[in-house]
Protein backbone atom coordinates (compact mmCIF):
# COMPACT_ATOMS: atom_id res chain seq x y z
CA MET A 1 -4.82 25.99 31.19
CA THR A 2 -4.37 23.08 28.77
CA LYS A 3 -6.32 23.52 25.55
CA ARG A 4 -8.53 20.64 24.45
CA PHE A 5 -8.14 20.20 20.72
CA VAL A 6 -10.45 17.80 18.84
CA ILE A 7 -9.53 16.88 15.28
CA ILE A 8 -12.03 15.19 12.96
CA GLY A 9 -10.06 13.33 10.32
CA GLY A 10 -6.59 11.79 10.54
CA GLY A 11 -5.17 12.72 7.14
CA PRO A 12 -2.12 14.91 6.47
CA ALA A 13 -3.78 18.07 7.85
CA GLY A 14 -5.14 16.41 10.98
CA ASN A 15 -1.93 14.55 11.72
CA ALA A 16 0.27 17.61 11.33
CA ALA A 17 -2.05 19.66 13.52
CA ALA A 18 -2.18 16.94 16.16
CA SER A 19 1.57 16.41 16.27
CA THR A 20 2.37 20.13 16.45
CA ALA A 21 -0.32 20.94 19.01
CA ALA A 22 0.71 18.03 21.22
CA ARG A 23 4.32 19.19 21.22
CA LEU A 24 3.11 22.64 22.23
CA GLY A 25 1.17 21.25 25.19
CA ALA A 26 -2.40 20.75 23.96
CA GLU A 27 -4.61 17.83 24.92
CA VAL A 28 -5.28 16.36 21.48
CA THR A 29 -7.85 13.83 20.29
CA ILE A 30 -8.10 12.63 16.70
CA VAL A 31 -11.34 11.00 15.54
CA GLU A 32 -10.87 8.87 12.42
CA ARG A 33 -13.55 6.72 10.80
CA ASP A 34 -11.36 5.12 8.15
CA ILE A 35 -7.55 5.29 7.83
CA ILE A 36 -4.98 7.08 9.95
CA GLY A 37 -2.91 8.81 7.30
CA GLY A 38 -5.88 9.85 5.18
CA ALA A 39 -7.89 8.00 2.54
CA ALA A 40 -7.00 10.39 -0.28
CA HIS A 41 -3.33 10.14 0.66
CA LEU A 42 -3.04 6.40 1.28
CA LEU A 43 -5.74 5.12 -1.10
CA ASP A 44 -5.05 7.51 -4.00
CA CYS A 45 -1.75 9.36 -3.90
CA VAL A 46 0.66 6.75 -2.53
CA PRO A 47 -0.67 3.75 -4.52
CA SER A 48 -0.75 5.72 -7.77
CA LYS A 49 2.85 6.85 -7.35
CA ALA A 50 3.90 3.29 -6.48
CA MET A 51 2.31 2.01 -9.68
CA ILE A 52 3.85 4.85 -11.69
CA ALA A 53 7.26 3.91 -10.24
CA THR A 54 6.76 0.31 -11.34
CA GLY A 55 5.62 1.45 -14.78
CA GLY A 56 8.68 3.67 -14.98
CA ALA A 57 10.91 0.69 -14.26
CA LEU A 58 9.24 -1.14 -17.18
CA THR A 59 9.80 1.70 -19.65
CA MET A 60 13.32 2.42 -18.44
CA THR A 61 14.65 -0.12 -20.94
CA GLN A 62 13.80 2.37 -23.71
CA ARG A 63 16.37 4.77 -22.26
CA PHE A 64 18.89 1.99 -21.67
CA ALA A 65 18.82 1.09 -25.37
CA GLY A 66 20.78 4.23 -26.16
CA MET A 67 23.28 3.60 -23.37
CA GLY A 68 24.74 0.36 -24.66
CA VAL A 69 22.59 -1.88 -22.45
CA GLU A 70 20.90 -4.88 -24.04
CA GLN A 71 17.13 -4.88 -23.57
CA HIS A 72 15.18 -7.81 -22.17
CA ASP A 73 11.47 -8.31 -21.89
CA VAL A 74 10.22 -7.59 -18.38
CA GLU A 75 6.87 -8.62 -16.95
CA VAL A 76 5.01 -7.40 -13.89
CA ASP A 77 3.40 -9.78 -11.43
CA VAL A 78 0.07 -8.25 -10.41
CA ASP A 79 -0.05 -10.05 -7.06
CA THR A 80 3.47 -8.93 -6.11
CA LEU A 81 2.72 -5.33 -7.09
CA SER A 82 -0.54 -5.38 -5.12
CA GLU A 83 1.27 -6.75 -2.08
CA ARG A 84 3.94 -4.08 -2.39
CA ILE A 85 1.35 -1.30 -2.49
CA SER A 86 -0.46 -2.75 0.54
CA ASN A 87 2.83 -3.04 2.45
CA ILE A 88 3.75 0.59 1.73
CA THR A 89 0.32 1.77 2.86
CA GLU A 90 0.37 -0.32 6.04
CA ARG A 91 3.88 0.87 6.90
CA LEU A 92 2.91 4.53 6.53
CA LYS A 93 -0.25 4.00 8.60
CA ALA A 94 1.74 2.31 11.36
CA THR A 95 4.48 4.95 11.35
CA THR A 96 1.96 7.79 11.58
CA THR A 97 -0.03 6.08 14.34
CA ASP A 98 3.08 5.30 16.39
CA LEU A 99 4.32 8.90 16.13
CA LEU A 100 1.01 10.37 17.26
CA MET A 101 0.65 7.95 20.17
CA SER A 102 4.24 8.61 21.28
CA GLN A 103 3.31 12.30 21.55
CA GLY A 104 0.31 11.56 23.73
CA VAL A 105 -2.35 12.06 21.06
CA ARG A 106 -5.54 10.11 21.72
CA ILE A 107 -6.79 8.27 18.63
CA MET A 108 -10.48 7.37 18.55
CA ARG A 109 -11.98 5.14 15.87
CA GLY A 110 -15.47 6.21 14.95
CA VAL A 111 -17.76 8.73 13.27
CA ALA A 112 -17.74 12.28 14.60
CA THR A 113 -20.71 14.66 14.60
CA PHE A 114 -20.98 18.18 15.98
CA VAL A 115 -23.42 18.56 18.85
CA ASP A 116 -22.65 22.26 18.89
CA ASP A 117 -19.54 24.35 18.25
CA ARG A 118 -17.88 23.13 21.49
CA HIS A 119 -18.95 19.49 21.61
CA VAL A 120 -18.34 16.57 19.25
CA ARG A 121 -20.17 13.24 19.53
CA VAL A 122 -18.18 10.14 18.55
CA GLU A 123 -19.97 6.91 17.58
CA GLY A 124 -17.54 4.02 17.69
CA ALA A 125 -17.41 0.27 18.10
CA ASP A 126 -17.20 0.74 21.87
CA GLY A 127 -20.21 3.01 22.10
CA GLN A 128 -20.76 6.74 22.20
CA GLU A 129 -18.77 9.56 23.79
CA VAL A 130 -19.17 13.33 23.71
CA LEU A 131 -15.93 15.31 23.60
CA GLU A 132 -15.72 18.87 24.90
CA ALA A 133 -13.30 21.08 22.98
CA ASP A 134 -11.71 24.50 23.15
CA ALA A 135 -11.05 24.19 19.43
CA VAL A 136 -12.06 21.79 16.66
CA LEU A 137 -10.37 21.06 13.34
CA VAL A 138 -12.40 19.54 10.50
CA SER A 139 -10.05 17.71 8.13
CA THR A 140 -12.31 15.04 6.68
CA GLY A 141 -10.84 15.11 3.17
CA SER A 142 -12.55 14.35 -0.10
CA ARG A 143 -13.69 11.52 -2.34
CA PRO A 144 -13.73 11.01 -6.12
CA ARG A 145 -16.47 12.98 -7.83
CA ILE A 146 -19.02 10.84 -9.64
CA PRO A 147 -21.29 12.65 -12.12
CA GLY A 148 -24.96 11.79 -12.30
CA TRP A 149 -24.73 10.24 -15.77
CA VAL A 150 -22.65 7.23 -14.74
CA GLU A 151 -22.63 4.57 -12.03
CA PRO A 152 -19.21 2.96 -11.41
CA ASP A 153 -19.34 -0.81 -10.86
CA GLY A 154 -15.77 -1.25 -9.58
CA THR A 155 -15.07 -3.80 -12.31
CA ARG A 156 -15.16 -2.09 -15.69
CA ILE A 157 -16.35 1.42 -14.86
CA LEU A 158 -13.87 2.58 -12.24
CA THR A 159 -13.23 5.48 -9.93
CA THR A 160 -9.62 6.30 -9.16
CA ARG A 161 -9.78 4.34 -5.90
CA ASP A 162 -10.98 1.21 -7.68
CA CYS A 163 -7.59 0.92 -9.39
CA TYR A 164 -5.51 0.19 -6.28
CA PRO A 165 -4.25 -2.35 -5.53
CA PRO A 166 -4.57 -3.49 -9.16
CA LYS A 167 -6.76 -6.53 -9.79
CA VAL A 168 -5.86 -6.67 -13.46
CA PHE A 169 -4.03 -4.57 -16.04
CA PRO A 170 -6.59 -3.38 -18.61
CA LYS A 171 -5.98 -4.24 -22.26
CA SER A 172 -7.57 -0.94 -23.19
CA ILE A 173 -8.99 1.89 -21.16
CA VAL A 174 -10.71 5.24 -21.58
CA VAL A 175 -9.55 7.91 -19.12
CA ILE A 176 -12.14 10.62 -18.58
CA GLY A 177 -10.58 13.82 -17.34
CA SER A 178 -7.38 15.49 -18.52
CA GLY A 179 -6.33 17.22 -15.31
CA VAL A 180 -3.45 16.11 -13.11
CA THR A 181 -5.04 12.83 -12.02
CA GLY A 182 -6.20 11.98 -15.52
CA VAL A 183 -2.83 12.43 -17.21
CA GLU A 184 -1.09 10.46 -14.47
CA PHE A 185 -3.49 7.59 -15.14
CA VAL A 186 -2.75 7.79 -18.86
CA HIS A 187 0.96 7.61 -18.15
CA MET A 188 0.52 4.73 -15.72
CA PHE A 189 -1.68 2.58 -17.96
CA THR A 190 0.45 3.11 -21.07
CA SER A 191 3.48 2.05 -19.04
CA PHE A 192 1.72 -1.27 -18.41
CA GLY A 193 0.99 -1.72 -22.10
CA ALA A 194 -2.66 -0.68 -22.30
CA ASP A 195 -4.23 1.05 -25.30
CA VAL A 196 -5.38 4.36 -23.83
CA THR A 197 -7.86 6.98 -25.00
CA LEU A 198 -8.01 10.27 -23.12
CA VAL A 199 -11.19 12.33 -23.26
CA VAL A 200 -10.10 15.99 -23.17
CA SER A 201 -12.91 18.49 -22.66
CA ARG A 202 -10.70 21.42 -23.73
CA GLN A 203 -8.20 21.78 -26.57
CA GLN A 204 -5.24 21.11 -24.27
CA VAL A 205 -4.49 18.57 -21.58
CA LEU A 206 -3.76 20.08 -18.16
CA PRO A 207 -5.89 23.21 -18.57
CA GLY A 208 -4.43 26.02 -16.54
CA LYS A 209 -0.89 24.70 -16.72
CA ASP A 210 1.92 26.09 -18.86
CA PRO A 211 0.97 25.48 -22.52
CA GLU A 212 4.52 24.43 -23.43
CA ALA A 213 4.51 21.87 -20.64
CA ALA A 214 1.11 20.57 -21.74
CA ALA A 215 2.31 20.36 -25.35
CA ALA A 216 5.38 18.37 -24.31
CA LEU A 217 3.16 15.89 -22.48
CA GLU A 218 0.76 15.60 -25.42
CA ASP A 219 3.69 14.86 -27.74
CA SER A 220 4.83 12.13 -25.37
CA PHE A 221 1.34 10.63 -25.22
CA LEU A 222 0.97 10.63 -29.00
CA ALA A 223 4.38 8.99 -29.40
CA ARG A 224 3.14 6.20 -27.12
CA GLY A 225 -0.02 5.70 -29.14
CA VAL A 226 -2.47 7.50 -26.85
CA LYS A 227 -5.61 8.68 -28.62
CA LEU A 228 -6.65 12.20 -27.61
CA LEU A 229 -10.34 13.11 -28.00
CA LYS A 230 -10.13 16.88 -27.73
CA GLY A 231 -13.12 19.14 -27.24
CA ALA A 232 -15.25 16.23 -26.07
CA ARG A 233 -17.20 15.66 -22.88
CA ALA A 234 -18.26 12.19 -21.86
CA GLN A 235 -21.99 11.99 -21.22
CA SER A 236 -22.64 8.26 -20.76
CA ILE A 237 -20.81 4.98 -20.15
CA ASP A 238 -22.40 1.59 -20.70
CA VAL A 239 -21.08 -1.92 -20.23
CA VAL A 240 -21.71 -4.03 -23.33
CA GLY A 241 -20.44 -7.58 -22.95
CA ASP A 242 -16.72 -7.43 -22.19
CA GLU A 243 -16.45 -3.78 -23.18
CA VAL A 244 -17.43 -0.33 -22.07
CA VAL A 245 -18.85 2.19 -24.49
CA VAL A 246 -18.12 5.84 -23.71
CA ARG A 247 -20.33 8.29 -25.61
CA CYS A 248 -19.43 11.96 -25.87
CA ASP A 249 -21.60 15.03 -26.32
CA ASP A 250 -20.36 15.58 -29.88
CA GLY A 251 -21.49 12.15 -31.03
CA ARG A 252 -18.15 10.40 -30.82
CA GLU A 253 -17.92 7.13 -28.94
CA VAL A 254 -15.03 4.99 -27.73
CA ARG A 255 -14.92 1.31 -26.88
CA ALA A 256 -12.45 -0.26 -24.46
CA THR A 257 -12.27 -2.98 -21.84
CA HIS A 258 -12.37 -0.43 -19.00
CA ALA A 259 -13.05 3.22 -18.22
CA VAL A 260 -11.83 5.31 -15.30
CA LEU A 261 -13.30 8.57 -14.00
CA ALA A 262 -10.72 11.21 -13.12
CA ILE A 263 -12.86 14.32 -12.99
CA GLY A 264 -12.04 15.78 -9.63
CA SER A 265 -13.22 15.30 -6.08
CA GLU A 266 -15.86 16.53 -3.68
CA PRO A 267 -15.57 17.34 0.03
CA ASN A 268 -16.60 14.97 2.80
CA VAL A 269 -18.96 17.23 4.73
CA GLU A 270 -22.06 15.04 4.99
CA GLY A 271 -23.07 13.80 8.41
CA LEU A 272 -20.88 16.23 10.36
CA ASN A 273 -23.83 18.44 11.39
CA LEU A 274 -21.84 21.53 10.47
CA GLU A 275 -25.05 23.52 10.63
CA GLY A 276 -25.39 22.52 14.28
CA ALA A 277 -22.01 24.14 14.94
CA GLY A 278 -22.88 27.17 12.82
CA VAL A 279 -20.12 26.45 10.30
CA ALA A 280 -20.71 27.88 6.82
CA LEU A 281 -19.93 26.35 3.43
CA ASP A 282 -18.86 28.27 0.34
CA SER A 283 -20.73 28.25 -2.98
CA ARG A 284 -18.94 25.04 -4.07
CA GLY A 285 -19.85 23.08 -0.94
CA TYR A 286 -16.44 23.33 0.74
CA ILE A 287 -15.94 24.71 4.25
CA ASP A 288 -15.25 28.42 3.99
CA ILE A 289 -12.02 29.48 5.74
CA ASP A 290 -9.92 32.60 6.22
CA GLN A 291 -6.15 32.99 5.88
CA TRP A 292 -5.63 31.15 9.19
CA CYS A 293 -7.94 28.28 8.19
CA ARG A 294 -10.60 29.52 10.60
CA THR A 295 -14.23 29.05 9.68
CA ASN A 296 -16.86 31.68 10.44
CA VAL A 297 -16.84 30.15 13.94
CA PRO A 298 -13.45 31.39 15.24
CA HIS A 299 -12.52 28.30 17.28
CA VAL A 300 -13.52 25.86 14.50
CA TYR A 301 -10.87 25.36 11.85
CA ALA A 302 -10.89 23.45 8.55
CA ALA A 303 -7.96 22.17 6.49
CA GLY A 304 -7.00 19.81 3.70
CA ASP A 305 -9.24 18.92 0.77
CA VAL A 306 -12.41 19.81 2.68
CA SER A 307 -11.27 23.45 2.83
CA GLY A 308 -11.37 23.84 -0.95
CA LYS A 309 -7.82 25.12 -1.25
CA LEU A 310 -5.13 23.37 -3.28
CA PRO A 311 -5.76 19.60 -2.97
CA LEU A 312 -2.15 18.74 -2.14
CA SER A 313 -0.87 16.75 0.82
CA SER A 314 1.91 19.30 1.27
CA VAL A 315 -0.63 22.12 1.54
CA ALA A 316 -2.78 20.14 3.99
CA THR A 317 0.26 19.40 6.16
CA MET A 318 1.29 23.06 6.24
CA GLN A 319 -2.27 24.11 7.04
CA GLY A 320 -2.35 21.67 9.95
CA ARG A 321 0.92 22.93 11.38
CA LYS A 322 -0.10 26.59 11.07
CA ILE A 323 -3.48 25.90 12.68
CA ALA A 324 -1.82 24.30 15.71
CA GLU A 325 0.64 27.17 16.05
CA HIS A 326 -2.17 29.72 15.75
CA LEU A 327 -4.30 27.86 18.30
CA MET A 328 -1.45 27.65 20.79
CA GLY A 329 -0.43 31.29 20.38
CA VAL A 330 2.91 30.67 18.71
CA ILE A 331 1.80 32.76 15.75
CA ARG A 332 -0.73 35.57 15.84
CA ASP A 333 -3.13 37.06 13.34
CA ASP A 334 -0.52 39.61 12.26
CA HIS A 335 2.05 36.93 11.33
CA ARG A 336 2.62 35.88 7.74
CA HIS A 337 -0.16 33.52 6.70
CA LEU A 338 -0.18 30.71 4.16
CA ALA A 339 0.57 31.78 0.60
CA TYR A 340 -1.20 29.21 -1.57
CA ASP A 341 0.11 30.87 -4.71
CA LYS A 342 3.63 29.82 -3.70
CA ALA A 343 2.87 26.11 -3.35
CA ALA A 344 4.92 23.81 -5.57
CA SER A 345 3.18 20.96 -7.37
CA ALA A 346 4.28 18.07 -9.55
CA ILE A 347 2.69 15.79 -12.12
CA PHE A 348 4.28 12.34 -12.23
CA THR A 349 4.13 11.59 -15.92
CA LYS A 350 6.79 11.10 -18.57
CA PRO A 351 8.03 13.74 -18.91
CA GLU A 352 7.52 14.83 -15.32
CA ILE A 353 6.08 18.32 -14.88
CA ALA A 354 6.40 20.66 -11.91
CA ASP A 355 5.65 24.31 -11.30
CA VAL A 356 5.54 26.94 -8.60
CA GLY A 357 4.52 30.56 -8.22
CA LEU A 358 3.42 32.91 -10.97
CA ALA A 359 2.73 31.29 -14.34
CA GLU A 360 3.57 32.95 -17.64
CA ALA A 361 -0.03 32.97 -18.90
CA GLU A 362 -1.26 34.26 -15.54
CA ALA A 363 1.19 37.17 -15.67
CA PHE A 364 0.07 38.12 -19.18
CA ALA A 365 -3.59 37.96 -18.12
CA LEU A 366 -2.81 40.32 -15.24
CA GLY A 367 -0.84 42.66 -17.50
CA ARG A 368 2.22 42.15 -15.33
CA LYS A 369 5.66 42.61 -16.80
CA ILE A 370 7.91 39.59 -16.37
CA ARG A 371 11.15 38.19 -17.69
CA VAL A 372 11.00 34.60 -18.93
CA THR A 373 14.09 32.52 -19.59
CA LYS A 374 14.10 28.91 -20.73
CA VAL A 375 16.92 26.39 -20.91
CA PRO A 376 16.53 22.89 -22.41
CA PHE A 377 17.89 19.90 -20.51
CA SER A 378 19.69 18.92 -23.71
CA SER A 379 22.25 21.58 -22.83
CA THR A 380 23.22 19.85 -19.56
CA ALA A 381 25.80 17.10 -19.34
CA LYS A 382 23.86 15.05 -16.79
CA ALA A 383 20.79 14.73 -19.04
CA LEU A 384 22.95 13.58 -21.95
CA ILE A 385 24.85 11.13 -19.75
CA HIS A 386 21.58 9.51 -18.72
CA ASN A 387 20.23 9.59 -22.29
CA ASP A 388 17.17 11.57 -21.23
CA PRO A 389 17.49 15.15 -22.53
CA THR A 390 13.73 15.78 -22.83
CA GLY A 391 12.30 18.93 -21.30
CA PHE A 392 13.32 22.33 -20.05
CA VAL A 393 13.54 24.73 -17.12
CA LYS A 394 11.57 27.95 -17.39
CA LEU A 395 12.28 30.70 -14.87
CA ILE A 396 10.02 33.71 -14.35
CA SER A 397 11.31 36.83 -12.64
CA ASP A 398 10.59 40.52 -12.14
CA PRO A 399 12.55 42.48 -14.78
CA ASN A 400 13.01 45.46 -12.45
CA THR A 401 13.99 43.81 -9.17
CA GLY A 402 15.29 40.44 -10.34
CA VAL A 403 13.11 38.66 -7.75
CA VAL A 404 12.14 35.12 -8.73
CA LEU A 405 8.37 34.93 -9.23
CA GLY A 406 7.87 31.38 -10.45
CA GLY A 407 8.98 28.60 -12.70
CA THR A 408 8.06 25.48 -14.62
CA ILE A 409 10.19 22.39 -15.10
CA VAL A 410 9.49 19.64 -17.63
CA GLY A 411 11.68 16.55 -17.58
CA ARG A 412 13.34 13.96 -15.43
CA HIS A 413 13.14 14.62 -11.65
CA ALA A 414 11.14 17.84 -12.19
CA GLY A 415 9.31 17.23 -8.92
CA GLU A 416 12.59 17.31 -7.03
CA LEU A 417 14.22 20.15 -8.96
CA ILE A 418 11.26 22.52 -8.52
CA SER A 419 12.15 22.75 -4.81
CA MET A 420 15.08 24.99 -5.74
CA ILE A 421 12.78 27.49 -7.43
CA ALA A 422 10.10 27.08 -4.73
CA LEU A 423 12.58 28.14 -2.06
CA ALA A 424 13.55 31.17 -4.13
CA VAL A 425 9.88 32.15 -4.61
CA THR A 426 9.02 31.71 -0.91
CA ALA A 427 12.11 33.55 0.35
CA HIS A 428 11.86 36.32 -2.28
CA LEU A 429 15.32 35.49 -3.57
CA LYS A 430 16.69 37.08 -6.70
CA VAL A 431 17.86 35.48 -9.89
CA VAL A 432 21.42 36.36 -8.93
CA ASP A 433 21.05 34.29 -5.74
CA ILE A 434 20.39 31.21 -7.86
CA LEU A 435 23.19 32.13 -10.22
CA ASP A 436 25.69 32.47 -7.36
CA THR A 437 24.84 29.05 -5.91
CA LEU A 438 27.64 26.54 -6.38
CA LEU A 439 26.04 23.31 -7.55
CA VAL A 440 27.26 19.79 -8.19
CA HIS A 441 28.56 19.08 -11.68
CA PRO A 442 27.22 17.25 -13.56
CA SER A 443 23.68 17.66 -12.29
CA LEU A 444 20.24 18.39 -13.71
CA ALA A 445 19.98 21.34 -11.32
CA GLU A 446 22.55 23.14 -13.46
CA ALA A 447 19.72 23.84 -15.91
CA VAL A 448 18.10 26.01 -13.20
CA THR A 449 21.33 27.96 -12.79
CA GLU A 450 21.67 28.29 -16.55
CA SER A 451 18.15 29.69 -16.79
CA ALA A 452 19.13 32.24 -14.14
CA GLU A 453 22.26 33.10 -16.07
């Protein structure tokens, strides 16, 4: 009997689940109220990385100066950049839609609401339809979190989604939030020449990340003139003439032409009538799931940002694929489930930062014995050839077995290089397996091998 699979939300999790389930023979319907491809993915992630890439091209002349290349002033055309971002987004939307339709997935535009745990009502432009399902996936994503003490106006007080496509490059801006999104915004705006102040609620940017990596990023920010307000929490933002005034809880205040909120996200669960389906939320307001992404209602799954796990597109995609395989019986409850602690992540700043697996501080907190080795990129020929020797590779392993437990990379192409360590962590490879790998010379990846050696 063909299984009827209804997916609410067409982001990375929903699309991966739909594609996999359709290939395995399910009758799949995706209900999407906004953008096929996912709002967080196509309105946040992709545009921000496109702007960071453009900013990187602007600052590349600093590296060229030490390579015998004459520098020239370069300017960015806002309209051309905006058009480029829109074109990338539209292309990804079209590609995703075409793939799903070619696999027989039905795409419905509208707002979905649970009638009960087996029926979903869809309100669309063409009217109303009730879908009967053998299984339902909720993958409705998230939106920027807006605290009660501020009201963004989309002009001077911005959320992250107000920044793309860019309407103007701010002369000065206050970034509130020093997590991954916040530091990427600092990097992006400084690349475009803005005076940036970062409000840091702790004593370190990127709380929870490797302290050495955070310190390297802080040094880079300070060298570019970024002002760091450490130990401060913003508590109000007011527009005064052509400026914004950000006031902090310790009495400090900052003035700039713009301010952007980068203080996390919150799940899109309103209006779904989850209570009508009997689906429970956790204490933070996210949908509570088990290791197979099942809710407390066994045939209702949840994935992506709304599930409260790591808010990464790669994680959402893997969740979607595993859900489809579990639904269709390809994998069972006794198969290996998702290991969120082995997910690789990257921060697209300068220097770039990436990590995977067990962190050094985490191991110490757990009282776990580890071996830590660190090799600077300045010891590799490729980094010197490209006049960019900043950063290091840190490898963490078990001193008794030699199994690779994790790693952190700071420097050029860290987001690509971390894949080598991520594979080792996932496959339980040993340090000697990395050491015995014959790599290209010269290459930045040699620093990973050197850390293993």
